[in-house]
């Protein structure tokens, strides 16, 4: 489970760095932080921020607190700059599930095929 969380966090960090290096171009694009500022904010391994444009109206920010295992999602309105909290989720127990929306073979089926050591 820790490996999955770590993998997700690494991918999220790479997405942020890639996005900062090639920000969207356009008249309605929000000002972007330079890559050097982004790296400085990534110095705190307990907080990760991932950003994405949602259509032409909103910027979506996902804030992940790795210590508390909580993720928050915000929308920032391009026109007004207003920030709206959309969702908060404690994912501590999500990471302890053995299956969710899984397809066959299920994890328990695979585990049954492995001989005990």
N, C-alpha and C. Protein backbone atom coordinates (compact mmCIF):
# COMPACT_ATOMS: atom_id res chain seq x y z
N UNK A 1 0.81 -1.19 0.00
CA UNK A 1 0.00 0.00 0.00
C UNK A 1 0.86 1.26 0.00
N UNK A 2 1.92 1.26 0.79
CA UNK A 2 2.79 2.43 0.83
C UNK A 2 3.43 2.68 -0.53
N UNK A 3 3.75 1.59 -1.24
CA UNK A 3 4.36 1.71 -2.55
C UNK A 3 3.39 2.39 -3.52
N UNK A 4 2.11 2.04 -3.44
CA UNK A 4 1.11 2.66 -4.31
C UNK A 4 0.99 4.14 -4.03
N UNK A 5 0.94 4.52 -2.76
CA UNK A 5 0.84 5.93 -2.38
C UNK A 5 2.09 6.67 -2.84
N UNK A 6 3.25 6.10 -2.60
CA UNK A 6 4.50 6.74 -3.01
C UNK A 6 4.54 6.91 -4.53
N UNK A 7 4.12 5.88 -5.26
CA UNK A 7 4.09 5.96 -6.72
C UNK A 7 3.17 7.07 -7.19
N UNK A 8 1.97 7.17 -6.57
CA UNK A 8 1.04 8.23 -6.92
C UNK A 8 1.64 9.60 -6.66
N UNK A 9 2.29 9.76 -5.53
CA UNK A 9 2.87 11.05 -5.19
C UNK A 9 4.01 11.43 -6.14
N UNK A 10 4.80 10.46 -6.55
CA UNK A 10 5.89 10.73 -7.50
C UNK A 10 5.31 11.15 -8.84
N UNK A 11 4.29 10.43 -9.30
CA UNK A 11 3.66 10.79 -10.57
C UNK A 11 3.06 12.19 -10.49
N UNK A 12 2.39 12.50 -9.37
CA UNK A 12 1.80 13.83 -9.20
C UNK A 12 2.89 14.90 -9.25
N UNK A 13 4.02 14.66 -8.62
CA UNK A 13 5.13 15.61 -8.65
C UNK A 13 5.67 15.81 -10.05
N UNK A 14 5.80 14.72 -10.81
CA UNK A 14 6.28 14.82 -12.19
C UNK A 14 5.30 15.59 -13.07
N UNK A 15 4.00 15.38 -12.85
CA UNK A 15 2.99 16.12 -13.60
C UNK A 15 3.11 17.60 -13.32
N UNK A 16 3.31 17.97 -12.07
CA UNK A 16 3.43 19.38 -11.69
C UNK A 16 4.65 19.99 -12.37
N UNK A 17 5.78 19.32 -12.30
CA UNK A 17 7.01 19.85 -12.90
C UNK A 17 6.84 19.98 -14.41
N UNK A 18 6.25 18.97 -15.06
CA UNK A 18 6.03 19.04 -16.50
C UNK A 18 5.08 20.16 -16.88
N UNK A 19 4.03 20.34 -16.10
CA UNK A 19 3.08 21.41 -16.36
C UNK A 19 3.73 22.77 -16.19
N UNK A 20 4.56 22.94 -15.17
CA UNK A 20 5.22 24.23 -14.93
C UNK A 20 6.21 24.55 -16.04
N UNK A 21 6.84 23.53 -16.61
CA UNK A 21 7.81 23.77 -17.68
C UNK A 21 7.11 24.16 -18.98
N UNK A 22 5.87 23.71 -19.19
CA UNK A 22 5.11 24.02 -20.41
C UNK A 22 3.71 24.45 -20.05
N UNK A 23 3.55 25.64 -19.44
CA UNK A 23 2.22 26.09 -19.03
C UNK A 23 1.35 26.35 -20.25
N UNK A 24 0.01 26.25 -20.10
CA UNK A 24 -0.88 26.53 -21.22
C UNK A 24 -0.72 27.96 -21.68
N UNK A 25 -0.80 28.16 -22.98
CA UNK A 25 -0.68 29.50 -23.55
C UNK A 25 -2.08 29.94 -23.96
N UNK A 26 -2.39 31.17 -23.72
CA UNK A 26 -3.69 31.68 -24.12
C UNK A 26 -4.00 32.96 -23.37
N UNK A 27 -4.97 33.69 -23.87
CA UNK A 27 -5.33 34.96 -23.25
C UNK A 27 -5.91 34.78 -21.86
N UNK A 28 -6.62 33.65 -21.64
CA UNK A 28 -7.28 33.46 -20.35
C UNK A 28 -6.42 32.66 -19.37
N UNK A 29 -5.16 32.37 -19.73
CA UNK A 29 -4.30 31.58 -18.84
C UNK A 29 -3.92 32.40 -17.61
N UNK A 30 -3.98 31.77 -16.45
CA UNK A 30 -3.56 32.44 -15.22
C UNK A 30 -2.05 32.57 -15.21
N UNK A 31 -1.51 33.57 -14.52
CA UNK A 31 -0.06 33.64 -14.40
C UNK A 31 0.46 32.40 -13.69
N UNK A 32 1.56 31.85 -14.16
CA UNK A 32 2.11 30.62 -13.62
C UNK A 32 3.39 30.92 -12.84
N UNK A 33 3.61 30.15 -11.79
CA UNK A 33 4.84 30.30 -11.01
C UNK A 33 6.01 29.75 -11.81
N UNK A 34 7.15 30.42 -11.78
CA UNK A 34 8.32 29.88 -12.45
C UNK A 34 8.70 28.53 -11.85
N UNK A 35 9.38 27.70 -12.65
CA UNK A 35 9.75 26.36 -12.21
C UNK A 35 10.56 26.41 -10.92
N UNK A 36 11.44 27.39 -10.76
CA UNK A 36 12.25 27.46 -9.54
C UNK A 36 11.38 27.65 -8.30
N UNK A 37 10.31 28.44 -8.40
CA UNK A 37 9.41 28.61 -7.27
C UNK A 37 8.64 27.33 -6.99
N UNK A 38 8.26 26.62 -8.04
CA UNK A 38 7.55 25.37 -7.87
C UNK A 38 8.41 24.35 -7.14
N UNK A 39 9.68 24.26 -7.51
CA UNK A 39 10.57 23.32 -6.84
C UNK A 39 10.73 23.69 -5.37
N UNK A 40 10.75 24.97 -5.06
CA UNK A 40 10.89 25.40 -3.67
C UNK A 40 9.69 24.95 -2.86
N UNK A 41 8.49 25.00 -3.45
CA UNK A 41 7.31 24.57 -2.70
C UNK A 41 7.29 23.06 -2.54
N UNK A 42 7.97 22.32 -3.44
CA UNK A 42 8.01 20.87 -3.34
C UNK A 42 9.03 20.40 -2.30
N UNK A 43 9.74 21.34 -1.68
CA UNK A 43 10.72 20.97 -0.66
C UNK A 43 10.04 20.38 0.57
N UNK A 44 8.76 20.66 0.79
CA UNK A 44 8.03 20.09 1.91
C UNK A 44 7.36 18.80 1.43
N UNK A 45 7.91 17.64 1.79
CA UNK A 45 7.38 16.38 1.27
C UNK A 45 6.01 16.01 1.84
N UNK A 46 5.54 16.74 2.83
CA UNK A 46 4.25 16.42 3.43
C UNK A 46 3.08 17.07 2.68
N UNK A 47 3.35 18.03 1.81
CA UNK A 47 2.29 18.72 1.06
C UNK A 47 2.63 18.68 -0.42
N UNK A 48 1.69 18.19 -1.21
CA UNK A 48 1.87 18.12 -2.65
C UNK A 48 0.66 18.80 -3.29
N UNK A 49 0.91 19.60 -4.33
CA UNK A 49 -0.16 20.27 -5.05
C UNK A 49 -0.08 19.87 -6.51
N UNK A 50 -1.20 19.41 -7.05
CA UNK A 50 -1.30 19.09 -8.48
C UNK A 50 -2.35 20.01 -9.07
N UNK A 51 -2.07 20.54 -10.26
CA UNK A 51 -2.95 21.52 -10.87
C UNK A 51 -3.33 21.07 -12.28
N UNK A 52 -4.56 21.39 -12.68
CA UNK A 52 -5.02 21.08 -14.04
C UNK A 52 -6.13 22.05 -14.42
N UNK A 53 -6.21 22.38 -15.69
CA UNK A 53 -7.31 23.20 -16.17
C UNK A 53 -8.53 22.32 -16.36
N UNK A 54 -9.69 22.86 -15.95
CA UNK A 54 -10.95 22.15 -16.12
C UNK A 54 -11.77 23.00 -17.09
N UNK A 55 -11.76 22.59 -18.34
CA UNK A 55 -12.45 23.37 -19.35
C UNK A 55 -11.80 24.74 -19.49
N UNK A 56 -12.62 25.72 -19.82
CA UNK A 56 -12.12 27.08 -20.00
C UNK A 56 -12.46 27.98 -18.82
N UNK A 57 -13.12 27.41 -17.78
CA UNK A 57 -13.59 28.24 -16.67
C UNK A 57 -12.77 28.12 -15.40
N UNK A 58 -12.21 26.93 -15.14
CA UNK A 58 -11.62 26.69 -13.84
C UNK A 58 -10.22 26.11 -13.92
N UNK A 59 -9.46 26.39 -12.89
CA UNK A 59 -8.19 25.72 -12.59
C UNK A 59 -8.50 24.82 -11.40
N UNK A 60 -8.14 23.55 -11.49
CA UNK A 60 -8.37 22.62 -10.39
C UNK A 60 -7.07 22.37 -9.65
N UNK A 61 -7.11 22.50 -8.34
CA UNK A 61 -5.94 22.23 -7.50
C UNK A 61 -6.27 21.07 -6.58
N UNK A 62 -5.41 20.07 -6.58
CA UNK A 62 -5.53 18.96 -5.64
C UNK A 62 -4.38 19.11 -4.65
N UNK A 63 -4.71 19.28 -3.38
CA UNK A 63 -3.72 19.44 -2.32
C UNK A 63 -3.70 18.15 -1.52
N UNK A 64 -2.53 17.52 -1.46
CA UNK A 64 -2.40 16.23 -0.78
C UNK A 64 -1.48 16.40 0.42
N UNK A 65 -2.00 16.11 1.60
CA UNK A 65 -1.21 16.13 2.82
C UNK A 65 -0.82 14.68 3.10
N UNK A 66 0.45 14.36 2.84
CA UNK A 66 0.89 12.97 2.97
C UNK A 66 0.99 12.52 4.42
N UNK A 67 1.17 13.46 5.33
CA UNK A 67 1.27 13.10 6.75
C UNK A 67 -0.10 12.75 7.32
N UNK A 68 -1.10 13.57 7.02
CA UNK A 68 -2.46 13.33 7.51
C UNK A 68 -3.24 12.38 6.60
N UNK A 69 -2.71 12.11 5.40
CA UNK A 69 -3.37 11.27 4.38
C UNK A 69 -4.74 11.82 4.02
N UNK A 70 -4.74 13.11 3.67
CA UNK A 70 -5.96 13.81 3.28
C UNK A 70 -5.72 14.51 1.95
N UNK A 71 -6.72 14.46 1.08
CA UNK A 71 -6.65 15.15 -0.20
C UNK A 71 -7.81 16.13 -0.28
N UNK A 72 -7.52 17.36 -0.71
CA UNK A 72 -8.54 18.38 -0.89
C UNK A 72 -8.50 18.85 -2.34
N UNK A 73 -9.67 19.13 -2.91
CA UNK A 73 -9.75 19.60 -4.29
C UNK A 73 -10.45 20.95 -4.29
N UNK A 74 -9.81 21.90 -4.99
CA UNK A 74 -10.33 23.27 -5.11
C UNK A 74 -10.50 23.63 -6.57
N UNK A 75 -11.47 24.50 -6.87
CA UNK A 75 -11.59 25.10 -8.20
C UNK A 75 -11.33 26.59 -8.05
N UNK A 76 -10.49 27.12 -8.93
CA UNK A 76 -10.21 28.55 -8.98
C UNK A 76 -10.83 29.07 -10.27
N UNK A 77 -11.76 30.02 -10.16
CA UNK A 77 -12.44 30.59 -11.31
C UNK A 77 -11.47 31.49 -12.07
N UNK A 78 -11.27 31.23 -13.37
CA UNK A 78 -10.35 32.04 -14.17
C UNK A 78 -10.79 33.50 -14.22
N UNK A 79 -12.09 33.74 -14.33
CA UNK A 79 -12.59 35.09 -14.51
C UNK A 79 -12.48 35.93 -13.25
N UNK A 80 -12.81 35.36 -12.09
CA UNK A 80 -12.88 36.15 -10.86
C UNK A 80 -11.77 35.86 -9.86
N UNK A 81 -11.14 34.70 -10.00
CA UNK A 81 -10.13 34.30 -9.02
C UNK A 81 -10.73 33.69 -7.76
N UNK A 82 -12.06 33.55 -7.74
CA UNK A 82 -12.73 32.97 -6.57
C UNK A 82 -12.30 31.51 -6.41
N UNK A 83 -12.10 31.11 -5.16
CA UNK A 83 -11.68 29.74 -4.85
C UNK A 83 -12.83 29.03 -4.15
N UNK A 84 -13.15 27.82 -4.66
CA UNK A 84 -14.23 27.03 -4.07
C UNK A 84 -13.70 25.65 -3.71
N UNK A 85 -13.93 25.25 -2.46
CA UNK A 85 -13.57 23.90 -2.03
C UNK A 85 -14.60 22.94 -2.60
N UNK A 86 -14.14 21.93 -3.34
CA UNK A 86 -15.04 20.97 -4.00
C UNK A 86 -15.12 19.65 -3.26
N UNK A 87 -14.01 19.22 -2.65
CA UNK A 87 -14.03 17.89 -2.04
C UNK A 87 -12.86 17.76 -1.06
N UNK A 88 -13.09 16.99 0.00
CA UNK A 88 -12.03 16.63 0.95
C UNK A 88 -12.21 15.15 1.25
N UNK A 89 -11.10 14.41 1.26
CA UNK A 89 -11.19 12.97 1.54
C UNK A 89 -9.96 12.51 2.29
N UNK A 90 -10.21 11.79 3.37
CA UNK A 90 -9.15 11.11 4.09
C UNK A 90 -8.96 9.77 3.39
N UNK A 91 -7.79 9.54 2.79
CA UNK A 91 -7.58 8.32 2.02
C UNK A 91 -6.79 7.26 2.79
N UNK A 92 -6.63 7.43 4.09
CA UNK A 92 -5.90 6.46 4.89
C UNK A 92 -6.50 5.07 4.76
N UNK A 93 -7.81 4.97 4.86
CA UNK A 93 -8.45 3.66 4.82
C UNK A 93 -8.63 3.15 3.38
N UNK A 94 -8.67 4.07 2.42
CA UNK A 94 -8.72 3.65 1.02
C UNK A 94 -7.52 2.77 0.70
N UNK A 95 -6.36 3.14 1.21
CA UNK A 95 -5.12 2.44 0.90
C UNK A 95 -5.05 1.06 1.56
N UNK A 96 -5.96 0.77 2.47
CA UNK A 96 -5.96 -0.52 3.15
C UNK A 96 -6.93 -1.53 2.51
N UNK A 97 -7.65 -1.09 1.49
CA UNK A 97 -8.59 -1.99 0.81
C UNK A 97 -7.81 -2.96 -0.07
N UNK A 98 -8.28 -4.19 -0.16
CA UNK A 98 -7.62 -5.16 -1.02
C UNK A 98 -8.20 -5.14 -2.43
N UNK A 99 -9.44 -4.62 -2.59
CA UNK A 99 -10.01 -4.51 -3.93
C UNK A 99 -11.15 -3.50 -3.91
N UNK A 100 -11.32 -2.86 -5.05
CA UNK A 100 -12.44 -1.94 -5.26
C UNK A 100 -12.57 -1.77 -6.77
N UNK A 101 -13.74 -2.03 -7.29
CA UNK A 101 -13.95 -2.01 -8.74
C UNK A 101 -12.98 -2.94 -9.45
N UNK A 102 -12.58 -4.01 -8.79
CA UNK A 102 -11.62 -4.95 -9.37
C UNK A 102 -12.32 -5.89 -10.34
N UNK A 103 -11.56 -6.36 -11.30
CA UNK A 103 -12.07 -7.34 -12.26
C UNK A 103 -11.32 -8.65 -12.04
N UNK A 104 -11.91 -9.73 -12.49
CA UNK A 104 -11.28 -11.04 -12.30
C UNK A 104 -9.99 -11.12 -13.10
N UNK A 105 -8.99 -11.75 -12.54
CA UNK A 105 -8.96 -12.44 -11.25
C UNK A 105 -8.84 -11.43 -10.10
N UNK A 106 -9.62 -11.65 -9.08
CA UNK A 106 -9.62 -10.78 -7.91
C UNK A 106 -8.38 -11.05 -7.06
N UNK A 107 -7.95 -10.08 -6.26
CA UNK A 107 -6.76 -10.28 -5.43
C UNK A 107 -6.83 -11.52 -4.54
N UNK A 108 -8.00 -11.81 -3.97
CA UNK A 108 -8.12 -13.01 -3.12
C UNK A 108 -7.96 -14.29 -3.93
N UNK A 109 -8.43 -14.28 -5.19
CA UNK A 109 -8.26 -15.45 -6.07
C UNK A 109 -6.78 -15.69 -6.36
N UNK A 110 -6.04 -14.61 -6.63
CA UNK A 110 -4.60 -14.74 -6.90
C UNK A 110 -3.86 -15.20 -5.67
N UNK A 111 -4.23 -14.65 -4.50
CA UNK A 111 -3.57 -15.02 -3.25
C UNK A 111 -3.76 -16.51 -2.97
N UNK A 112 -4.92 -17.07 -3.32
CA UNK A 112 -5.20 -18.48 -3.09
C UNK A 112 -4.34 -19.38 -3.96
N UNK A 113 -3.84 -18.87 -5.08
CA UNK A 113 -3.01 -19.67 -5.98
C UNK A 113 -1.55 -19.77 -5.50
N UNK A 114 -1.14 -18.88 -4.63
CA UNK A 114 0.25 -18.86 -4.16
C UNK A 114 0.38 -19.80 -2.97
N UNK A 115 1.30 -20.77 -3.05
CA UNK A 115 1.44 -21.71 -1.92
C UNK A 115 2.02 -20.99 -0.70
N UNK A 116 1.61 -21.38 0.50
CA UNK A 116 2.15 -20.74 1.72
C UNK A 116 3.65 -21.05 1.84
N UNK A 117 4.35 -20.11 2.44
CA UNK A 117 5.81 -20.27 2.62
C UNK A 117 6.14 -20.83 3.96
